[in-house]
Amino acid sequence: MTDEVIDLVLKYQSGIGAWMDVLDHSSNYRRQVTRRAASSALLMYSICALSAKQMSLVGEHSVWEPVAGRFYGQSLRLLIHDLNQLEVRYDEVFVATILLCSYELLAVPGPDYRKHLEGVSSLLRSHLSSITTDLDKASFWIYARHDVAMALINYCPTLVAASEWPDAMTGGNLEEDAVGNKVLWLLAKVIELRFALPGSIIPNDRQESLREIGAEIDKWWDDLPSTSRGLSSGEVSEDGLSRLWFCVQSAG
């Protein structure tokens, strides 16, 4: 590893890696991904590309942008090569596509970002049944955040329908990361209903679906642990809103 690579990995772990793991208390993208990157050039270069891209936005753009572009190009070449060995390298390929989609999101999302996100959705849909490890689940939920954001931007349903999402909604897990992921799933269901193609849903079915989603949202709210509701600091803004403090980052 060069000094440049080490520096970028450290910046990733203390910087954008925290965003990747915001709804994952196990911090898989700062721990498991960097651990695997030690023996994977694809993951290492993808991490460096994303880290340098973030630095180009918060640091000196003229210094970091060429670095980001160089590592991004190296990552894409390795990714294209590994796509031909997908069955044996799926885990690494999936993580790399998540990292590179996050890079493209920072680069101002355009046609390339949407095209690559569609590619990730196809890759994901063919392996939904094999999402079992903690890293697989972490990768899926980061993808889901991208998918929901893209759906809102384009006024359309998510690329992977909410009904196809892994069965992670059952059980009584009230950890803040699980609670956050569940509301993301509920949002995907609302988006799906709101932006469904005209005539694809019978009016009576739409009303019933709205009632069901409303009930699910109410239950989600009622089941929230006190730590996920926030504590008032006592300060009230001019518009009457109270400033809240959350003891766990993912709850806010």
C-alpha atoms as a PDB file:
ATOM      1  CA  MET A   1       0.000   0.000   0.000  1.00  0.00           C
ATOM      2  CA  THR A   2       1.235   3.464  -0.865  1.00  0.00           C
ATOM      3  CA  ASP A   3       1.068   6.436   1.485  1.00  0.00           C
ATOM      4  CA  GLU A   4      -1.621   7.899  -0.787  1.00  0.00           C
ATOM      5  CA  VAL A   5      -3.817   4.802  -0.472  1.00  0.00           C
ATOM      6  CA  ILE A   6      -3.365   4.616   3.313  1.00  0.00           C
ATOM      7  CA  ASP A   7      -4.264   8.292   3.648  1.00  0.00           C
ATOM      8  CA  LEU A   8      -7.427   7.857   1.568  1.00  0.00           C
ATOM      9  CA  VAL A   9      -8.540   4.770   3.495  1.00  0.00           C
ATOM     10  CA  LEU A  10      -8.103   6.633   6.800  1.00  0.00           C
ATOM     11  CA  LYS A  11     -10.088   9.561   5.405  1.00  0.00           C
ATOM     12  CA  TYR A  12     -12.791   7.127   4.288  1.00  0.00           C
ATOM     13  CA  GLN A  13     -13.054   5.540   7.741  1.00  0.00           C
ATOM     14  CA  SER A  14     -13.397   8.886   9.497  1.00  0.00           C
ATOM     15  CA  GLY A  15     -15.366  10.602   6.736  1.00  0.00           C
ATOM     16  CA  ILE A  16     -17.859   9.266   4.221  1.00  0.00           C
ATOM     17  CA  GLY A  17     -17.604   5.752   5.656  1.00  0.00           C
ATOM     18  CA  ALA A  18     -19.628   7.062   8.600  1.00  0.00           C
ATOM     19  CA  TRP A  19     -22.432   8.021   6.181  1.00  0.00           C
ATOM     20  CA  MET A  20     -22.317   4.560   4.614  1.00  0.00           C
ATOM     21  CA  ASP A  21     -22.788   3.053   8.086  1.00  0.00           C
ATOM     22  CA  VAL A  22     -25.289   5.572   9.455  1.00  0.00           C
ATOM     23  CA  LEU A  23     -28.022   2.894   9.602  1.00  0.00           C
ATOM     24  CA  ASP A  24     -25.713   0.021  10.492  1.00  0.00           C
ATOM     25  CA  HIS A  25     -24.580  -0.212  14.099  1.00  0.00           C
ATOM     26  CA  SER A  26     -22.084  -2.933  13.137  1.00  0.00           C
ATOM     27  CA  SER A  27     -20.227  -0.448  10.896  1.00  0.00           C
ATOM     28  CA  ASN A  28     -19.733  -3.049   8.172  1.00  0.00           C
ATOM     29  CA  TYR A  29     -18.538  -0.571   5.567  1.00  0.00           C
ATOM     30  CA  ARG A  30     -15.837   0.831   7.837  1.00  0.00           C
ATOM     31  CA  ARG A  31     -14.808  -2.525   9.281  1.00  0.00           C
ATOM     32  CA  GLN A  32     -15.643  -5.460   6.999  1.00  0.00           C
ATOM     33  CA  VAL A  33     -15.167  -3.637   3.690  1.00  0.00           C
ATOM     34  CA  THR A  34     -11.794  -2.144   4.620  1.00  0.00           C
ATOM     35  CA  ARG A  35     -10.720  -5.529   5.990  1.00  0.00           C
ATOM     36  CA  ARG A  36     -11.581  -7.208   2.689  1.00  0.00           C
ATOM     37  CA  ALA A  37      -9.957  -4.399   0.744  1.00  0.00           C
ATOM     38  CA  ALA A  38      -6.588  -5.491   2.134  1.00  0.00           C
ATOM     39  CA  SER A  39      -6.734  -8.427  -0.305  1.00  0.00           C
ATOM     40  CA  SER A  40      -8.911  -6.892  -3.050  1.00  0.00           C
ATOM     41  CA  ALA A  41      -7.639  -4.214  -5.422  1.00  0.00           C
ATOM     42  CA  LEU A  42     -11.215  -3.641  -6.622  1.00  0.00           C
ATOM     43  CA  LEU A  43     -12.453  -2.727  -3.148  1.00  0.00           C
ATOM     44  CA  MET A  44      -9.315  -0.775  -2.261  1.00  0.00           C
ATOM     45  CA  TYR A  45      -9.494   1.401  -5.373  1.00  0.00           C
ATOM     46  CA  SER A  46     -13.256   1.872  -4.957  1.00  0.00           C
ATOM     47  CA  ILE A  47     -12.739   3.084  -1.382  1.00  0.00           C
ATOM     48  CA  CYS A  48      -9.984   5.442  -2.539  1.00  0.00           C
ATOM     49  CA  ALA A  49     -12.159   6.802  -5.354  1.00  0.00           C
ATOM     50  CA  LEU A  50     -15.071   7.545  -3.014  1.00  0.00           C
ATOM     51  CA  SER A  51     -12.827   9.030  -0.331  1.00  0.00           C
ATOM     52  CA  ALA A  52     -11.027  11.285  -2.810  1.00  0.00           C
ATOM     53  CA  LYS A  53     -14.358  12.370  -4.315  1.00  0.00           C
ATOM     54  CA  GLN A  54     -15.599  13.463  -0.912  1.00  0.00           C
ATOM     55  CA  MET A  55     -12.338  15.345  -0.318  1.00  0.00           C
ATOM     56  CA  SER A  56     -12.803  17.144  -3.655  1.00  0.00           C
ATOM     57  CA  LEU A  57     -16.045  18.559  -2.237  1.00  0.00           C
ATOM     58  CA  VAL A  58     -14.867  19.466   1.264  1.00  0.00           C
ATOM     59  CA  GLY A  59     -11.175  20.119   0.564  1.00  0.00           C
ATOM     60  CA  GLU A  60      -9.156  21.546  -2.296  1.00  0.00           C
ATOM     61  CA  HIS A  61     -11.074  20.534  -5.421  1.00  0.00           C
ATOM     62  CA  SER A  62      -8.205  20.967  -7.877  1.00  0.00           C
ATOM     63  CA  VAL A  63      -6.009  18.653  -5.801  1.00  0.00           C
ATOM     64  CA  TRP A  64      -8.483  15.864  -5.079  1.00  0.00           C
ATOM     65  CA  GLU A  65     -10.609  15.702  -8.234  1.00  0.00           C
ATOM     66  CA  PRO A  66      -7.825  14.215 -10.435  1.00  0.00           C
ATOM     67  CA  VAL A  67      -7.064  11.674  -7.704  1.00  0.00           C
ATOM     68  CA  ALA A  68     -10.736  10.698  -7.507  1.00  0.00           C
ATOM     69  CA  GLY A  69     -10.964  10.323 -11.280  1.00  0.00           C
ATOM     70  CA  ARG A  70      -7.828   8.178 -11.426  1.00  0.00           C
ATOM     71  CA  PHE A  71      -9.010   5.723  -8.778  1.00  0.00           C
ATOM     72  CA  TYR A  72     -12.522   5.701 -10.244  1.00  0.00           C
ATOM     73  CA  GLY A  73     -11.147   4.695 -13.645  1.00  0.00           C
ATOM     74  CA  GLN A  74      -9.014   1.940 -12.107  1.00  0.00           C
ATOM     75  CA  SER A  75     -12.023   0.670 -10.152  1.00  0.00           C
ATOM     76  CA  LEU A  76     -14.250   0.536 -13.236  1.00  0.00           C
ATOM     77  CA  ARG A  77     -11.670  -1.467 -15.188  1.00  0.00           C
ATOM     78  CA  LEU A  78     -11.395  -4.018 -12.387  1.00  0.00           C
ATOM     79  CA  LEU A  79     -15.179  -4.118 -11.967  1.00  0.00           C
ATOM     80  CA  ILE A  80     -15.741  -4.856 -15.666  1.00  0.00           C
ATOM     81  CA  HIS A  81     -13.194  -7.676 -15.420  1.00  0.00           C
ATOM     82  CA  ASP A  82     -14.790  -9.170 -12.290  1.00  0.00           C
ATOM     83  CA  LEU A  83     -18.296  -9.058 -13.771  1.00  0.00           C
ATOM     84  CA  ASN A  84     -17.145 -11.925 -15.988  1.00  0.00           C
ATOM     85  CA  GLN A  85     -16.496 -13.963 -12.831  1.00  0.00           C
ATOM     86  CA  LEU A  86     -19.663 -12.905 -11.048  1.00  0.00           C
ATOM     87  CA  GLU A  87     -20.577 -16.247  -9.483  1.00  0.00           C
ATOM     88  CA  VAL A  88     -17.296 -16.494  -7.582  1.00  0.00           C
ATOM     89  CA  ARG A  89     -16.773 -12.780  -6.914  1.00  0.00           C
ATOM     90  CA  TYR A  90     -20.349 -11.576  -6.333  1.00  0.00           C
ATOM     91  CA  ASP A  91     -19.748 -10.243  -2.798  1.00  0.00           C
ATOM     92  CA  GLU A  92     -16.863  -8.015  -3.862  1.00  0.00           C
ATOM     93  CA  VAL A  93     -18.618  -6.880  -7.034  1.00  0.00           C
ATOM     94  CA  PHE A  94     -21.781  -5.928  -5.136  1.00  0.00           C
ATOM     95  CA  VAL A  95     -19.870  -3.919  -2.520  1.00  0.00           C
ATOM     96  CA  ALA A  96     -17.789  -2.205  -5.214  1.00  0.00           C
ATOM     97  CA  THR A  97     -20.912  -1.187  -7.153  1.00  0.00           C
ATOM     98  CA  ILE A  98     -22.362   0.331  -3.972  1.00  0.00           C
ATOM     99  CA  LEU A  99     -19.156   2.306  -3.364  1.00  0.00           C
ATOM    100  CA  LEU A 100     -19.004   3.511  -6.976  1.00  0.00           C
ATOM    101  CA  CYS A 101     -22.701   4.458  -7.052  1.00  0.00           C
ATOM    102  CA  SER A 102     -22.025   6.545  -3.945  1.00  0.00           C
ATOM    103  CA  TYR A 103     -19.126   8.164  -5.810  1.00  0.00           C
ATOM    104  CA  GLU A 104     -21.441   9.005  -8.710  1.00  0.00           C
ATOM    105  CA  LEU A 105     -24.006  10.442  -6.307  1.00  0.00           C
ATOM    106  CA  LEU A 106     -21.373  12.870  -5.017  1.00  0.00           C
ATOM    107  CA  ALA A 107     -20.422  13.709  -8.607  1.00  0.00           C
ATOM    108  CA  VAL A 108     -23.928  15.182  -9.173  1.00  0.00           C
ATOM    109  CA  PRO A 109     -26.247  12.359 -10.253  1.00  0.00           C
ATOM    110  CA  GLY A 110     -27.020  12.266 -13.963  1.00  0.00           C
ATOM    111  CA  PRO A 111     -27.747   9.675 -16.664  1.00  0.00           C
ATOM    112  CA  ASP A 112     -24.640   7.625 -15.785  1.00  0.00           C
ATOM    113  CA  TYR A 113     -25.670   7.413 -12.139  1.00  0.00           C
ATOM    114  CA  ARG A 114     -29.168   6.222 -13.017  1.00  0.00           C
ATOM    115  CA  LYS A 115     -27.775   3.744 -15.547  1.00  0.00           C
ATOM    116  CA  HIS A 116     -25.384   2.269 -12.999  1.00  0.00           C
ATOM    117  CA  LEU A 117     -28.081   2.162 -10.315  1.00  0.00           C
ATOM    118  CA  GLU A 118     -30.269   0.200 -12.732  1.00  0.00           C
ATOM    119  CA  GLY A 119     -27.342  -2.176 -13.217  1.00  0.00           C
ATOM    120  CA  VAL A 120     -27.017  -2.618  -9.458  1.00  0.00           C
ATOM    121  CA  SER A 121     -30.754  -3.318  -9.178  1.00  0.00           C
ATOM    122  CA  SER A 122     -30.500  -6.062 -11.826  1.00  0.00           C
ATOM    123  CA  LEU A 123     -27.494  -7.551 -10.048  1.00  0.00           C
ATOM    124  CA  LEU A 124     -29.287  -7.379  -6.727  1.00  0.00           C
ATOM    125  CA  ARG A 125     -32.594  -8.797  -7.972  1.00  0.00           C
ATOM    126  CA  SER A 126     -30.864 -11.942  -9.226  1.00  0.00           C
ATOM    127  CA  HIS A 127     -29.333 -12.565  -5.781  1.00  0.00           C
ATOM    128  CA  LEU A 128     -32.050 -11.374  -3.357  1.00  0.00           C
ATOM    129  CA  SER A 129     -32.456 -14.842  -1.874  1.00  0.00           C
ATOM    130  CA  SER A 130     -28.752 -15.017  -1.002  1.00  0.00           C
ATOM    131  CA  ILE A 131     -28.662 -11.858   1.137  1.00  0.00           C
ATOM    132  CA  THR A 132     -27.799 -13.507   4.439  1.00  0.00           C
ATOM    133  CA  THR A 133     -24.548 -12.068   5.813  1.00  0.00           C
ATOM    134  CA  ASP A 134     -24.306  -8.819   7.766  1.00  0.00           C
ATOM    135  CA  LEU A 135     -22.283  -7.250   4.952  1.00  0.00           C
ATOM    136  CA  ASP A 136     -24.865  -8.312   2.345  1.00  0.00           C
ATOM    137  CA  LYS A 137     -27.607  -6.706   4.423  1.00  0.00           C
ATOM    138  CA  ALA A 138     -25.579  -3.531   4.952  1.00  0.00           C
ATOM    139  CA  SER A 139     -24.967  -3.307   1.191  1.00  0.00           C
ATOM    140  CA  PHE A 140     -28.657  -3.785   0.466  1.00  0.00           C
ATOM    141  CA  TRP A 141     -29.753  -1.008   2.826  1.00  0.00           C
ATOM    142  CA  ILE A 142     -27.260   1.439   1.337  1.00  0.00           C
ATOM    143  CA  TYR A 143     -28.583   0.500  -2.109  1.00  0.00           C
ATOM    144  CA  ALA A 144     -32.140   1.024  -0.825  1.00  0.00           C
ATOM    145  CA  ARG A 145     -31.301   4.586   0.213  1.00  0.00           C
ATOM    146  CA  HIS A 146     -30.025   5.271  -3.306  1.00  0.00           C
ATOM    147  CA  ASP A 147     -33.107   3.652  -4.849  1.00  0.00           C
ATOM    148  CA  VAL A 148     -35.565   5.634  -2.722  1.00  0.00           C
ATOM    149  CA  ALA A 149     -33.737   8.916  -3.399  1.00  0.00           C
ATOM    150  CA  MET A 150     -33.716   8.261  -7.160  1.00  0.00           C
ATOM    151  CA  ALA A 151     -37.426   7.400  -7.084  1.00  0.00           C
ATOM    152  CA  LEU A 152     -38.244  10.692  -5.351  1.00  0.00           C
ATOM    153  CA  ILE A 153     -36.114  12.681  -7.809  1.00  0.00           C
ATOM    154  CA  ASN A 154     -37.778  11.067 -10.834  1.00  0.00           C
ATOM    155  CA  TYR A 155     -41.337  10.694  -9.443  1.00  0.00           C
ATOM    156  CA  CYS A 156     -41.388   6.948 -10.046  1.00  0.00           C
ATOM    157  CA  PRO A 157     -41.484   3.700  -8.038  1.00  0.00           C
ATOM    158  CA  THR A 158     -38.240   2.214  -6.743  1.00  0.00           C
ATOM    159  CA  LEU A 159     -36.285   0.001  -9.154  1.00  0.00           C
ATOM    160  CA  VAL A 160     -36.593  -2.918  -6.734  1.00  0.00           C
ATOM    161  CA  ALA A 161     -40.220  -3.113  -5.580  1.00  0.00           C
ATOM    162  CA  ALA A 162     -40.766  -2.910  -1.824  1.00  0.00           C
ATOM    163  CA  SER A 163     -42.430  -6.340  -1.970  1.00  0.00           C
ATOM    164  CA  GLU A 164     -39.112  -7.791  -3.225  1.00  0.00           C
ATOM    165  CA  TRP A 165     -36.999  -6.361  -0.426  1.00  0.00           C
ATOM    166  CA  PRO A 166     -35.396  -8.978   1.856  1.00  0.00           C
ATOM    167  CA  ASP A 167     -37.619 -10.125   4.706  1.00  0.00           C
ATOM    168  CA  ALA A 168     -36.049  -7.886   7.307  1.00  0.00           C
ATOM    169  CA  MET A 169     -39.217  -6.241   8.560  1.00  0.00           C
ATOM    170  CA  THR A 170     -40.424  -8.941  10.914  1.00  0.00           C
ATOM    171  CA  GLY A 171     -39.468  -9.339  14.544  1.00  0.00           C
ATOM    172  CA  GLY A 172     -39.171  -6.831  17.352  1.00  0.00           C
ATOM    173  CA  ASN A 173     -35.724  -5.345  16.701  1.00  0.00           C
ATOM    174  CA  LEU A 174     -35.928  -1.835  18.147  1.00  0.00           C
ATOM    175  CA  GLU A 175     -32.294  -0.893  17.621  1.00  0.00           C
ATOM    176  CA  GLU A 176     -32.130   2.546  16.042  1.00  0.00           C
ATOM    177  CA  ASP A 177     -30.571   1.287  12.809  1.00  0.00           C
ATOM    178  CA  ALA A 178     -33.303  -1.323  12.311  1.00  0.00           C
ATOM    179  CA  VAL A 179     -35.982   1.273  13.089  1.00  0.00           C
ATOM    180  CA  GLY A 180     -34.456   3.612  10.493  1.00  0.00           C
ATOM    181  CA  ASN A 181     -34.339   0.885   7.862  1.00  0.00           C
ATOM    182  CA  LYS A 182     -37.960   0.016   8.507  1.00  0.00           C
ATOM    183  CA  VAL A 183     -39.146   3.561   7.888  1.00  0.00           C
ATOM    184  CA  LEU A 184     -37.127   3.521   4.648  1.00  0.00           C
ATOM    185  CA  TRP A 185     -39.078   0.419   3.615  1.00  0.00           C
ATOM    186  CA  LEU A 186     -42.363   2.138   4.511  1.00  0.00           C
ATOM    187  CA  LEU A 187     -41.329   5.165   2.448  1.00  0.00           C
ATOM    188  CA  ALA A 188     -40.624   2.879  -0.524  1.00  0.00           C
ATOM    189  CA  LYS A 189     -44.159   1.478  -0.198  1.00  0.00           C
ATOM    190  CA  VAL A 190     -45.642   4.994  -0.139  1.00  0.00           C
ATOM    191  CA  ILE A 191     -43.596   5.985  -3.214  1.00  0.00           C
ATOM    192  CA  GLU A 192     -44.692   2.837  -5.020  1.00  0.00           C
ATOM    193  CA  LEU A 193     -48.326   3.656  -4.390  1.00  0.00           C
ATOM    194  CA  ARG A 194     -48.015   7.372  -5.157  1.00  0.00           C
ATOM    195  CA  PHE A 195     -46.139   6.993  -8.447  1.00  0.00           C
ATOM    196  CA  ALA A 196     -47.708   3.807  -9.779  1.00  0.00           C
ATOM    197  CA  LEU A 197     -48.548   3.886 -13.480  1.00  0.00           C
ATOM    198  CA  PRO A 198     -52.082   5.155 -14.249  1.00  0.00           C
ATOM    199  CA  GLY A 199     -54.552   2.298 -14.293  1.00  0.00           C
ATOM    200  CA  SER A 200     -52.152  -0.173 -12.673  1.00  0.00           C
ATOM    201  CA  ILE A 201     -54.011  -0.047  -9.342  1.00  0.00           C
ATOM    202  CA  ILE A 202     -57.782  -0.344  -8.916  1.00  0.00           C
ATOM    203  CA  PRO A 203     -59.115   2.679  -6.924  1.00  0.00           C
ATOM    204  CA  ASN A 204     -60.551   0.478  -4.174  1.00  0.00           C
ATOM    205  CA  ASP A 205     -57.239  -1.367  -3.873  1.00  0.00           C
ATOM    206  CA  ARG A 206     -55.409   1.960  -3.647  1.00  0.00           C
ATOM    207  CA  GLN A 207     -57.599   3.090  -0.768  1.00  0.00           C
ATOM    208  CA  GLU A 208     -57.090  -0.205   1.039  1.00  0.00           C
ATOM    209  CA  SER A 209     -53.324   0.003   0.501  1.00  0.00           C
ATOM    210  CA  LEU A 210     -53.309   3.559   1.852  1.00  0.00           C
ATOM    211  CA  ARG A 211     -55.107   2.415   4.995  1.00  0.00           C
ATOM    212  CA  GLU A 212     -52.684  -0.477   5.465  1.00  0.00           C
ATOM    213  CA  ILE A 213     -49.618   1.724   5.038  1.00  0.00           C
ATOM    214  CA  GLY A 214     -51.103   4.322   7.379  1.00  0.00           C
ATOM    215  CA  ALA A 215     -51.628   1.643  10.008  1.00  0.00           C
ATOM    216  CA  GLU A 216     -48.058   0.378   9.546  1.00  0.00           C
ATOM    217  CA  ILE A 217     -46.658   3.898   9.964  1.00  0.00           C
ATOM    218  CA  ASP A 218     -48.746   4.425  13.108  1.00  0.00           C
ATOM    219  CA  LYS A 219     -47.460   1.143  14.540  1.00  0.00           C
ATOM    220  CA  TRP A 220     -43.882   2.085  13.637  1.00  0.00           C
ATOM    221  CA  TRP A 221     -44.307   5.364  15.514  1.00  0.00           C
ATOM    222  CA  ASP A 222     -46.013   3.789  18.521  1.00  0.00           C
ATOM    223  CA  ASP A 223     -43.261   1.160  18.832  1.00  0.00           C
ATOM    224  CA  LEU A 224     -40.405   3.673  18.723  1.00  0.00           C
ATOM    225  CA  PRO A 225     -38.147   3.452  21.784  1.00  0.00           C
ATOM    226  CA  SER A 226     -37.730   6.697  23.718  1.00  0.00           C
ATOM    227  CA  THR A 227     -34.144   7.060  22.447  1.00  0.00           C
ATOM    228  CA  SER A 228     -35.483   7.329  18.895  1.00  0.00           C
ATOM    229  CA  ARG A 229     -37.868  10.163  19.727  1.00  0.00           C
ATOM    230  CA  GLY A 230     -35.187  12.631  20.752  1.00  0.00           C
ATOM    231  CA  LEU A 231     -34.845  14.838  23.812  1.00  0.00           C
ATOM    232  CA  SER A 232     -35.851  18.475  23.676  1.00  0.00           C
ATOM    233  CA  SER A 233     -33.071  20.948  24.418  1.00  0.00           C
ATOM    234  CA  GLY A 234     -35.658  23.495  25.495  1.00  0.00           C
ATOM    235  CA  GLU A 235     -34.813  25.805  22.592  1.00  0.00           C
ATOM    236  CA  VAL A 236     -37.683  26.780  20.296  1.00  0.00           C
ATOM    237  CA  SER A 237     -37.108  28.320  16.875  1.00  0.00           C
ATOM    238  CA  GLU A 238     -39.106  31.210  15.400  1.00  0.00           C
ATOM    239  CA  ASP A 239     -41.339  28.748  13.549  1.00  0.00           C
ATOM    240  CA  GLY A 240     -42.200  26.971  16.795  1.00  0.00           C
ATOM    241  CA  LEU A 241     -40.064  23.872  16.295  1.00  0.00           C
ATOM    242  CA  SER A 242     -38.108  22.446  19.211  1.00  0.00           C
ATOM    243  CA  ARG A 243     -34.474  21.479  18.835  1.00  0.00           C
ATOM    244  CA  LEU A 244     -34.033  17.778  19.577  1.00  0.00           C
ATOM    245  CA  TRP A 245     -30.965  15.838  20.680  1.00  0.00           C
ATOM    246  CA  PHE A 246     -30.574  12.145  19.828  1.00  0.00           C
ATOM    247  CA  CYS A 247     -28.242   9.996  21.911  1.00  0.00           C
ATOM    248  CA  VAL A 248     -27.628   7.673  18.934  1.00  0.00           C
ATOM    249  CA  GLN A 249     -26.674   9.172  15.560  1.00  0.00           C
ATOM    250  CA  SER A 250     -28.821   6.817  13.483  1.00  0.00           C
ATOM    251  CA  ALA A 251     -31.955   7.897  15.364  1.00  0.00           C
ATOM    252  CA  GLY A 252     -31.691  11.466  14.106  1.00  0.00           C
END
